[in-house]
Amino acid sequence: MKRLLIVLSVFCVVFSFSCSSGGTSKKAKSEKRVTNSEIGSAEMEGGEMLHLYGYSKDSEVVRKMRLLDIDFIDCYRNTVKIGRAEDIDIDFELEIDDDGFFEDIRIGELQSKEALKIAECVGEEIESIGVRPGNPRSADYRLSYKVVKDKPKQMTKQNKAKVAKNNLRSKTIASLAKMKKFRECYESRKAKNPRMKGKFTLKFMIAPDGEVYDIKLRNNTFTDKYVVNCTIEKLEDTVFPQGDSDDEVEVNFDFTATYDNPRPNKPRQSLSL
């Protein structure tokens, strides 16, 4: 009989331990569910990604608030101006009555008018829901808006090559006025016609493959036609670095000269690369 009591006592101790462990496990799982606090996310008009979280020790409150994910996000999106999205934390003190309704909703201290406006909007949405009746209580609830801005993408080797190619084309266009072959058109006629002067503009297009086409003479007041025709012929033979896109480029090439100083002006691009 004595031995039997000992065995029973040991059994009870083991059973009590397992019951205790089971209780702890359930509590841990319950707390884990509460800490899984993400409510939802949405992209803002300014390109930022908005993430919404809700925190409370009252797991039923946390579950109910998740039902208002879209409404809470709309409260933020309809208040914050484009490009002004920022992190905002809003604390609520909630009084739940016997019928399960949120009888009193108090808003904690906030740092901005925008945050207050969002909090008031959220409070109105909370009033529309309830929890299980028969358990009046107080609960704290934190609503946390977190904004993630896109990090600038690192430029790949291929993109760097494209940018370098475009830069080379831009540099070539910018150096037109300094090119020796265009100055030679003037220098070769200087001895025969030392008093020649005037200016003209050549408007032309550059194809994606670098070929020049559609050359048009504009605003010509130059006194020697040879210089004009020579410049056009040399421009037709000019090939620019190939672009990385299908964009065509329009360029205005100005040439101005006085009696003693031919002074080709820097060309103006009417379409950026």
C-alpha atoms as a PDB file:
ATOM      1  CA  MET A   1       0.000   0.000   0.000  1.00  0.00           C
ATOM      2  CA  LYS A   2       2.818   2.355   0.864  1.00  0.00           C
ATOM      3  CA  ARG A   3       4.583   1.544  -2.392  1.00  0.00           C
ATOM      4  CA  LEU A   4       1.412   2.267  -4.358  1.00  0.00           C
ATOM      5  CA  LEU A   5       1.104   5.714  -2.794  1.00  0.00           C
ATOM      6  CA  ILE A   6       4.652   6.515  -3.801  1.00  0.00           C
ATOM      7  CA  VAL A   7       3.957   5.528  -7.384  1.00  0.00           C
ATOM      8  CA  LEU A   8       0.816   7.612  -7.444  1.00  0.00           C
ATOM      9  CA  SER A   9       2.694  10.570  -6.010  1.00  0.00           C
ATOM     10  CA  VAL A  10       5.368  10.304  -8.692  1.00  0.00           C
ATOM     11  CA  PHE A  11       2.674  10.102 -11.363  1.00  0.00           C
ATOM     12  CA  CYS A  12       1.016  13.235 -10.053  1.00  0.00           C
ATOM     13  CA  VAL A  13       4.299  15.121 -10.040  1.00  0.00           C
ATOM     14  CA  VAL A  14       5.023  14.125 -13.638  1.00  0.00           C
ATOM     15  CA  PHE A  15       1.458  14.960 -14.681  1.00  0.00           C
ATOM     16  CA  SER A  16       1.653  18.329 -12.936  1.00  0.00           C
ATOM     17  CA  PHE A  17       4.888  19.099 -14.749  1.00  0.00           C
ATOM     18  CA  SER A  18       3.440  18.206 -18.124  1.00  0.00           C
ATOM     19  CA  CYS A  19       0.326  20.277 -17.431  1.00  0.00           C
ATOM     20  CA  SER A  20       2.477  23.196 -16.423  1.00  0.00           C
ATOM     21  CA  SER A  21       4.590  22.843 -19.537  1.00  0.00           C
ATOM     22  CA  GLY A  22       1.476  22.665 -21.702  1.00  0.00           C
ATOM     23  CA  GLY A  23       0.151  25.860 -20.122  1.00  0.00           C
ATOM     24  CA  THR A  24       3.417  27.652 -20.753  1.00  0.00           C
ATOM     25  CA  SER A  25       3.450  26.463 -24.366  1.00  0.00           C
ATOM     26  CA  LYS A  26      -0.067  27.757 -24.989  1.00  0.00           C
ATOM     27  CA  LYS A  27       0.798  31.089 -23.422  1.00  0.00           C
ATOM     28  CA  ALA A  28       3.934  31.357 -25.546  1.00  0.00           C
ATOM     29  CA  LYS A  29       1.918  30.651 -28.672  1.00  0.00           C
ATOM     30  CA  SER A  30      -0.642  33.235 -27.621  1.00  0.00           C
ATOM     31  CA  GLU A  31       2.057  35.856 -27.093  1.00  0.00           C
ATOM     32  CA  LYS A  32       3.578  34.920 -30.426  1.00  0.00           C
ATOM     33  CA  ARG A  33       0.284  35.581 -32.161  1.00  0.00           C
ATOM     34  CA  VAL A  34       0.092  38.998 -30.525  1.00  0.00           C
ATOM     35  CA  THR A  35       3.604  39.948 -31.623  1.00  0.00           C
ATOM     36  CA  ASN A  36       2.702  39.057 -35.230  1.00  0.00           C
ATOM     37  CA  SER A  37       1.436  42.580 -35.571  1.00  0.00           C
ATOM     38  CA  GLU A  38       1.570  43.414 -39.271  1.00  0.00           C
ATOM     39  CA  ILE A  39      -1.781  44.704 -40.503  1.00  0.00           C
ATOM     40  CA  GLY A  40      -1.080  45.536 -44.127  1.00  0.00           C
ATOM     41  CA  SER A  41       0.948  47.537 -46.631  1.00  0.00           C
ATOM     42  CA  ALA A  42       0.403  49.798 -49.631  1.00  0.00           C
ATOM     43  CA  GLU A  43       2.399  51.854 -52.104  1.00  0.00           C
ATOM     44  CA  MET A  44       2.133  55.622 -51.718  1.00  0.00           C
ATOM     45  CA  GLU A  45       1.708  57.997 -54.660  1.00  0.00           C
ATOM     46  CA  GLY A  46       5.205  59.315 -54.015  1.00  0.00           C
ATOM     47  CA  GLY A  47       6.637  55.827 -54.598  1.00  0.00           C
ATOM     48  CA  GLU A  48       7.243  54.967 -50.929  1.00  0.00           C
ATOM     49  CA  MET A  49       6.021  51.678 -49.468  1.00  0.00           C
ATOM     50  CA  LEU A  50       3.820  52.070 -46.390  1.00  0.00           C
ATOM     51  CA  HIS A  51       3.745  49.269 -43.815  1.00  0.00           C
ATOM     52  CA  LEU A  52       1.186  49.226 -41.011  1.00  0.00           C
ATOM     53  CA  TYR A  53       1.539  47.475 -37.640  1.00  0.00           C
ATOM     54  CA  GLY A  54      -0.721  47.206 -34.599  1.00  0.00           C
ATOM     55  CA  TYR A  55       0.396  46.353 -31.067  1.00  0.00           C
ATOM     56  CA  SER A  56      -1.595  45.437 -27.950  1.00  0.00           C
ATOM     57  CA  LYS A  57      -1.428  42.943 -25.084  1.00  0.00           C
ATOM     58  CA  ASP A  58      -5.094  42.284 -25.776  1.00  0.00           C
ATOM     59  CA  SER A  59      -4.985  39.652 -28.532  1.00  0.00           C
ATOM     60  CA  GLU A  60      -8.687  40.072 -29.339  1.00  0.00           C
ATOM     61  CA  VAL A  61      -8.208  43.777 -29.954  1.00  0.00           C
ATOM     62  CA  VAL A  62      -5.253  43.018 -32.252  1.00  0.00           C
ATOM     63  CA  ARG A  63      -7.348  40.570 -34.283  1.00  0.00           C
ATOM     64  CA  LYS A  64     -10.256  42.970 -34.621  1.00  0.00           C
ATOM     65  CA  MET A  65      -8.068  45.872 -35.692  1.00  0.00           C
ATOM     66  CA  ARG A  66      -6.710  43.823 -38.577  1.00  0.00           C
ATOM     67  CA  LEU A  67     -10.180  43.905 -40.092  1.00  0.00           C
ATOM     68  CA  LEU A  68      -9.703  47.649 -40.609  1.00  0.00           C
ATOM     69  CA  ASP A  69      -6.448  47.383 -42.572  1.00  0.00           C
ATOM     70  CA  ILE A  70      -7.669  49.218 -45.680  1.00  0.00           C
ATOM     71  CA  ASP A  71      -9.461  51.870 -43.640  1.00  0.00           C
ATOM     72  CA  PHE A  72      -6.377  52.601 -41.508  1.00  0.00           C
ATOM     73  CA  ILE A  73      -4.191  52.872 -44.627  1.00  0.00           C
ATOM     74  CA  ASP A  74      -6.712  55.198 -46.288  1.00  0.00           C
ATOM     75  CA  CYS A  75      -6.662  57.450 -43.223  1.00  0.00           C
ATOM     76  CA  TYR A  76      -2.920  57.879 -43.813  1.00  0.00           C
ATOM     77  CA  ARG A  77      -2.965  58.157 -47.605  1.00  0.00           C
ATOM     78  CA  ASN A  78      -5.774  60.710 -47.619  1.00  0.00           C
ATOM     79  CA  THR A  79      -3.952  62.917 -45.112  1.00  0.00           C
ATOM     80  CA  VAL A  80      -0.257  62.861 -45.966  1.00  0.00           C
ATOM     81  CA  LYS A  81       0.856  64.906 -48.986  1.00  0.00           C
ATOM     82  CA  ILE A  82       2.680  63.266 -51.882  1.00  0.00           C
ATOM     83  CA  GLY A  83       6.366  62.880 -51.120  1.00  0.00           C
ATOM     84  CA  ARG A  84       5.888  63.740 -47.415  1.00  0.00           C
ATOM     85  CA  ALA A  85       5.333  60.217 -46.080  1.00  0.00           C
ATOM     86  CA  GLU A  86       7.060  59.546 -42.756  1.00  0.00           C
ATOM     87  CA  ASP A  87       6.917  57.167 -39.792  1.00  0.00           C
ATOM     88  CA  ILE A  88       4.065  57.869 -37.369  1.00  0.00           C
ATOM     89  CA  ASP A  89       3.143  56.089 -34.116  1.00  0.00           C
ATOM     90  CA  ILE A  90      -0.302  56.621 -32.605  1.00  0.00           C
ATOM     91  CA  ASP A  91      -1.268  55.385 -29.118  1.00  0.00           C
ATOM     92  CA  PHE A  92      -4.871  54.734 -28.120  1.00  0.00           C
ATOM     93  CA  GLU A  93      -6.426  54.039 -24.715  1.00  0.00           C
ATOM     94  CA  LEU A  94      -9.576  52.004 -25.254  1.00  0.00           C
ATOM     95  CA  GLU A  95     -12.487  51.411 -22.862  1.00  0.00           C
ATOM     96  CA  ILE A  96     -14.583  48.384 -23.820  1.00  0.00           C
ATOM     97  CA  ASP A  97     -18.101  48.213 -22.374  1.00  0.00           C
ATOM     98  CA  ASP A  98     -20.154  45.143 -21.420  1.00  0.00           C
ATOM     99  CA  ASP A  99     -21.640  44.939 -24.913  1.00  0.00           C
ATOM    100  CA  GLY A 100     -18.187  44.702 -26.489  1.00  0.00           C
ATOM    101  CA  PHE A 101     -18.189  48.205 -28.009  1.00  0.00           C
ATOM    102  CA  PHE A 102     -15.374  50.719 -27.679  1.00  0.00           C
ATOM    103  CA  GLU A 103     -17.119  53.105 -25.306  1.00  0.00           C
ATOM    104  CA  ASP A 104     -14.229  55.565 -24.998  1.00  0.00           C
ATOM    105  CA  ILE A 105     -11.282  56.090 -27.335  1.00  0.00           C
ATOM    106  CA  ARG A 106      -8.515  58.374 -26.110  1.00  0.00           C
ATOM    107  CA  ILE A 107      -5.600  59.452 -28.299  1.00  0.00           C
ATOM    108  CA  GLY A 108      -2.111  59.807 -26.865  1.00  0.00           C
ATOM    109  CA  GLU A 109       0.138  62.826 -27.360  1.00  0.00           C
ATOM    110  CA  LEU A 110       1.158  63.442 -30.971  1.00  0.00           C
ATOM    111  CA  GLN A 111       3.865  65.535 -32.627  1.00  0.00           C
ATOM    112  CA  SER A 112       2.047  66.922 -35.672  1.00  0.00           C
ATOM    113  CA  LYS A 113      -1.324  68.052 -36.976  1.00  0.00           C
ATOM    114  CA  GLU A 114      -1.169  65.404 -39.683  1.00  0.00           C
ATOM    115  CA  ALA A 115      -0.721  62.668 -37.081  1.00  0.00           C
ATOM    116  CA  LEU A 116      -3.699  64.012 -35.123  1.00  0.00           C
ATOM    117  CA  LYS A 117      -5.865  64.049 -38.232  1.00  0.00           C
ATOM    118  CA  ILE A 118      -4.891  60.439 -38.991  1.00  0.00           C
ATOM    119  CA  ALA A 119      -5.594  59.429 -35.379  1.00  0.00           C
ATOM    120  CA  GLU A 120      -9.057  61.013 -35.446  1.00  0.00           C
ATOM    121  CA  CYS A 121      -9.838  59.215 -38.690  1.00  0.00           C
ATOM    122  CA  VAL A 122      -8.660  55.903 -37.214  1.00  0.00           C
ATOM    123  CA  GLY A 123     -10.735  56.521 -34.062  1.00  0.00           C
ATOM    124  CA  GLU A 124     -13.896  56.869 -36.147  1.00  0.00           C
ATOM    125  CA  GLU A 125     -13.148  53.550 -37.844  1.00  0.00           C
ATOM    126  CA  ILE A 126     -12.546  51.809 -34.492  1.00  0.00           C
ATOM    127  CA  GLU A 127     -15.976  52.938 -33.294  1.00  0.00           C
ATOM    128  CA  SER A 128     -17.564  50.889 -36.082  1.00  0.00           C
ATOM    129  CA  ILE A 129     -16.381  47.520 -34.748  1.00  0.00           C
ATOM    130  CA  GLY A 130     -16.643  45.635 -31.470  1.00  0.00           C
ATOM    131  CA  VAL A 131     -15.330  42.624 -29.578  1.00  0.00           C
ATOM    132  CA  ARG A 132     -17.117  39.786 -27.753  1.00  0.00           C
ATOM    133  CA  PRO A 133     -19.586  41.108 -25.164  1.00  0.00           C
ATOM    134  CA  GLY A 134     -19.522  40.264 -21.487  1.00  0.00           C
ATOM    135  CA  ASN A 135     -15.928  41.247 -20.814  1.00  0.00           C
ATOM    136  CA  PRO A 136     -15.675  44.989 -20.111  1.00  0.00           C
ATOM    137  CA  ARG A 137     -12.073  46.159 -19.806  1.00  0.00           C
ATOM    138  CA  SER A 138      -9.414  48.702 -20.701  1.00  0.00           C
ATOM    139  CA  ALA A 139      -6.853  48.114 -23.450  1.00  0.00           C
ATOM    140  CA  ASP A 140      -3.902  49.976 -24.891  1.00  0.00           C
ATOM    141  CA  TYR A 141      -3.331  49.897 -28.647  1.00  0.00           C
ATOM    142  CA  ARG A 142      -0.499  51.309 -30.746  1.00  0.00           C
ATOM    143  CA  LEU A 143      -0.848  51.858 -34.460  1.00  0.00           C
ATOM    144  CA  SER A 144       2.511  52.222 -36.205  1.00  0.00           C
ATOM    145  CA  TYR A 145       2.974  53.504 -39.749  1.00  0.00           C
ATOM    146  CA  LYS A 146       6.410  52.706 -41.190  1.00  0.00           C
ATOM    147  CA  VAL A 147       7.621  54.137 -44.502  1.00  0.00           C
ATOM    148  CA  VAL A 148      10.233  52.430 -46.652  1.00  0.00           C
ATOM    149  CA  LYS A 149      11.782  54.510 -49.438  1.00  0.00           C
ATOM    150  CA  ASP A 150      13.271  52.813 -52.476  1.00  0.00           C
ATOM    151  CA  LYS A 151      17.035  52.631 -52.389  1.00  0.00           C
ATOM    152  CA  PRO A 152      18.744  53.973 -55.516  1.00  0.00           C
ATOM    153  CA  LYS A 153      19.557  51.090 -57.824  1.00  0.00           C
ATOM    154  CA  GLN A 154      23.218  50.435 -58.434  1.00  0.00           C
ATOM    155  CA  MET A 155      24.244  51.056 -62.006  1.00  0.00           C
ATOM    156  CA  THR A 156      25.235  47.888 -63.847  1.00  0.00           C
ATOM    157  CA  LYS A 157      28.252  47.664 -66.142  1.00  0.00           C
ATOM    158  CA  GLN A 158      25.911  47.624 -69.131  1.00  0.00           C
ATOM    159  CA  ASN A 159      24.155  50.821 -68.005  1.00  0.00           C
ATOM    160  CA  LYS A 160      27.492  52.488 -67.309  1.00  0.00           C
ATOM    161  CA  ALA A 161      28.567  51.644 -70.847  1.00  0.00           C
ATOM    162  CA  LYS A 162      25.361  53.197 -72.213  1.00  0.00           C
ATOM    163  CA  VAL A 163      25.878  56.382 -70.200  1.00  0.00           C
ATOM    164  CA  ALA A 164      29.490  56.603 -71.362  1.00  0.00           C
ATOM    165  CA  LYS A 165      28.345  56.167 -74.963  1.00  0.00           C
ATOM    166  CA  ASN A 166      25.784  58.936 -74.602  1.00  0.00           C
ATOM    167  CA  ASN A 167      28.366  61.169 -72.948  1.00  0.00           C
ATOM    168  CA  LEU A 168      30.698  60.554 -75.904  1.00  0.00           C
ATOM    169  CA  ARG A 169      27.956  61.599 -78.322  1.00  0.00           C
ATOM    170  CA  SER A 170      27.268  64.738 -76.269  1.00  0.00           C
ATOM    171  CA  LYS A 171      30.961  65.611 -76.199  1.00  0.00           C
ATOM    172  CA  THR A 172      31.187  65.184 -79.965  1.00  0.00           C
ATOM    173  CA  ILE A 173      28.234  67.505 -80.527  1.00  0.00           C
ATOM    174  CA  ALA A 174      29.677  70.078 -78.145  1.00  0.00           C
ATOM    175  CA  SER A 175      33.031  70.004 -79.946  1.00  0.00           C
ATOM    176  CA  LEU A 176      31.628  70.785 -83.410  1.00  0.00           C
ATOM    177  CA  ALA A 177      32.692  74.426 -83.186  1.00  0.00           C
ATOM    178  CA  LYS A 178      36.281  73.392 -82.467  1.00  0.00           C
ATOM    179  CA  MET A 179      36.623  70.822 -85.223  1.00  0.00           C
ATOM    180  CA  LYS A 180      39.469  71.618 -87.595  1.00  0.00           C
ATOM    181  CA  LYS A 181      37.607  70.501 -90.737  1.00  0.00           C
ATOM    182  CA  PHE A 182      34.941  73.177 -90.300  1.00  0.00           C
ATOM    183  CA  ARG A 183      37.514  75.901 -89.658  1.00  0.00           C
ATOM    184  CA  GLU A 184      39.345  74.843 -92.814  1.00  0.00           C
ATOM    185  CA  CYS A 185      36.262  75.804 -94.849  1.00  0.00           C
ATOM    186  CA  TYR A 186      36.861  79.381 -93.722  1.00  0.00           C
ATOM    187  CA  GLU A 187      40.670  79.348 -93.703  1.00  0.00           C
ATOM    188  CA  SER A 188      40.863  78.074 -97.293  1.00  0.00           C
ATOM    189  CA  ARG A 189      38.897  81.108 -98.549  1.00  0.00           C
ATOM    190  CA  LYS A 190      40.416  83.731 -96.290  1.00  0.00           C
ATOM    191  CA  ALA A 191      43.217  84.680 -98.717  1.00  0.00           C
ATOM    192  CA  LYS A 192      40.842  85.098-101.666  1.00  0.00           C
ATOM    193  CA  ASN A 193      38.174  86.936 -99.734  1.00  0.00           C
ATOM    194  CA  PRO A 194      39.749  88.560 -96.628  1.00  0.00           C
ATOM    195  CA  ARG A 195      36.694  90.728 -95.940  1.00  0.00           C
ATOM    196  CA  MET A 196      34.169  87.897 -95.838  1.00  0.00           C
ATOM    197  CA  LYS A 197      31.966  87.815 -92.790  1.00  0.00           C
ATOM    198  CA  GLY A 198      28.524  86.874 -91.570  1.00  0.00           C
ATOM    199  CA  LYS A 199      26.830  83.991 -89.846  1.00  0.00           C
ATOM    200  CA  PHE A 200      24.613  81.020 -90.583  1.00  0.00           C
ATOM    201  CA  THR A 201      22.921  78.192 -88.738  1.00  0.00           C
ATOM    202  CA  LEU A 202      22.794  74.563 -89.782  1.00  0.00           C
ATOM    203  CA  LYS A 203      19.904  72.663 -88.285  1.00  0.00           C
ATOM    204  CA  PHE A 204      20.285  68.897 -88.610  1.00  0.00           C
ATOM    205  CA  MET A 205      19.243  65.552 -87.161  1.00  0.00           C
ATOM    206  CA  ILE A 206      21.378  62.738 -85.780  1.00  0.00           C
ATOM    207  CA  ALA A 207      19.985  59.220 -86.187  1.00  0.00           C
ATOM    208  CA  PRO A 208      20.391  56.563 -83.464  1.00  0.00           C
ATOM    209  CA  ASP A 209      23.211  55.005 -85.513  1.00  0.00           C
ATOM    210  CA  GLY A 210      25.086  58.351 -85.567  1.00  0.00           C
ATOM    211  CA  GLU A 211      24.369  59.327 -89.185  1.00  0.00           C
ATOM    212  CA  VAL A 212      23.568  62.977 -89.990  1.00  0.00           C
ATOM    213  CA  TYR A 213      20.478  63.765 -92.060  1.00  0.00           C
ATOM    214  CA  ASP A 214      17.937  66.489 -92.857  1.00  0.00           C
ATOM    215  CA  ILE A 215      20.446  69.357 -92.877  1.00  0.00           C
ATOM    216  CA  LYS A 216      18.764  72.740 -93.265  1.00  0.00           C
ATOM    217  CA  LEU A 217      20.394  76.146 -93.690  1.00  0.00           C
ATOM    218  CA  ARG A 218      18.936  78.852 -91.431  1.00  0.00           C
ATOM    219  CA  ASN A 219      19.582  82.580 -90.947  1.00  0.00           C
ATOM    220  CA  ASN A 220      22.326  82.804 -93.558  1.00  0.00           C
ATOM    221  CA  THR A 221      24.028  86.218 -93.841  1.00  0.00           C
ATOM    222  CA  PHE A 222      27.459  84.874 -94.781  1.00  0.00           C
ATOM    223  CA  THR A 223      29.089  86.719 -97.709  1.00  0.00           C
ATOM    224  CA  ASP A 224      30.907  83.692 -99.152  1.00  0.00           C
ATOM    225  CA  LYS A 225      28.744  80.788-100.361  1.00  0.00           C
ATOM    226  CA  TYR A 226      31.738  78.447-100.575  1.00  0.00           C
ATOM    227  CA  VAL A 227      32.190  78.463 -96.793  1.00  0.00           C
ATOM    228  CA  VAL A 228      28.537  77.575 -96.297  1.00  0.00           C
ATOM    229  CA  ASN A 229      28.551  74.751 -98.870  1.00  0.00           C
ATOM    230  CA  CYS A 230      31.876  73.417 -97.598  1.00  0.00           C
ATOM    231  CA  THR A 231      30.579  73.271 -94.029  1.00  0.00           C
ATOM    232  CA  ILE A 232      27.428  71.434 -95.144  1.00  0.00           C
ATOM    233  CA  GLU A 233      29.453  68.863 -97.115  1.00  0.00           C
ATOM    234  CA  LYS A 234      31.774  68.159 -94.191  1.00  0.00           C
ATOM    235  CA  LEU A 235      28.821  67.890 -91.818  1.00  0.00           C
ATOM    236  CA  GLU A 236      27.217  65.300 -94.118  1.00  0.00           C
ATOM    237  CA  ASP A 237      30.382  63.190 -93.802  1.00  0.00           C
ATOM    238  CA  THR A 238      30.438  63.456 -90.009  1.00  0.00           C
ATOM    239  CA  VAL A 239      29.401  60.339 -88.076  1.00  0.00           C
ATOM    240  CA  PHE A 240      28.569  60.721 -84.395  1.00  0.00           C
ATOM    241  CA  PRO A 241      28.937  57.993 -81.741  1.00  0.00           C
ATOM    242  CA  GLN A 242      25.987  55.609 -81.818  1.00  0.00           C
ATOM    243  CA  GLY A 243      23.298  56.164 -79.175  1.00  0.00           C
ATOM    244  CA  ASP A 244      21.901  53.535 -76.812  1.00  0.00           C
ATOM    245  CA  SER A 245      18.253  54.210 -77.659  1.00  0.00           C
ATOM    246  CA  ASP A 246      16.023  54.931 -80.647  1.00  0.00           C
ATOM    247  CA  ASP A 247      15.938  58.639 -79.868  1.00  0.00           C
ATOM    248  CA  GLU A 248      16.873  61.081 -82.625  1.00  0.00           C
ATOM    249  CA  VAL A 249      18.730  64.249 -81.741  1.00  0.00           C
ATOM    250  CA  GLU A 250      18.149  67.685 -83.238  1.00  0.00           C
ATOM    251  CA  VAL A 251      21.119  70.071 -83.252  1.00  0.00           C
ATOM    252  CA  ASN A 252      21.538  73.723 -84.219  1.00  0.00           C
ATOM    253  CA  PHE A 253      25.106  74.485 -85.335  1.00  0.00           C
ATOM    254  CA  ASP A 254      25.879  78.242 -85.469  1.00  0.00           C
ATOM    255  CA  PHE A 255      28.829  79.587 -87.443  1.00  0.00           C
ATOM    256  CA  THR A 256      29.851  83.247 -87.104  1.00  0.00           C
ATOM    257  CA  ALA A 257      32.887  85.043 -88.527  1.00  0.00           C
ATOM    258  CA  THR A 258      34.245  88.618 -88.604  1.00  0.00           C
ATOM    259  CA  TYR A 259      36.991  89.963 -90.884  1.00  0.00           C
ATOM    260  CA  ASP A 260      39.876  88.634 -88.789  1.00  0.00           C
ATOM    261  CA  ASN A 261      38.332  86.073 -86.450  1.00  0.00           C
ATOM    262  CA  PRO A 262      36.241  83.139 -87.510  1.00  0.00           C
ATOM    263  CA  ARG A 263      34.304  82.274 -84.393  1.00  0.00           C
ATOM    264  CA  PRO A 264      32.095  79.183 -84.617  1.00  0.00           C
ATOM    265  CA  ASN A 265      29.721  79.293 -81.705  1.00  0.00           C
ATOM    266  CA  LYS A 266      28.987  76.370 -79.442  1.00  0.00           C
ATOM    267  CA  PRO A 267      26.015  74.431 -80.874  1.00  0.00           C
ATOM    268  CA  ARG A 268      22.712  74.333 -79.041  1.00  0.00           C
ATOM    269  CA  GLN A 269      20.940  71.037 -78.576  1.00  0.00           C
ATOM    270  CA  SER A 270      17.189  71.325 -78.859  1.00  0.00           C
ATOM    271  CA  LEU A 271      16.703  67.764 -77.626  1.00  0.00           C
ATOM    272  CA  SER A 272      18.609  66.418 -74.661  1.00  0.00           C
ATOM    273  CA  LEU A 273      20.265  63.043 -74.979  1.00  0.00           C
END
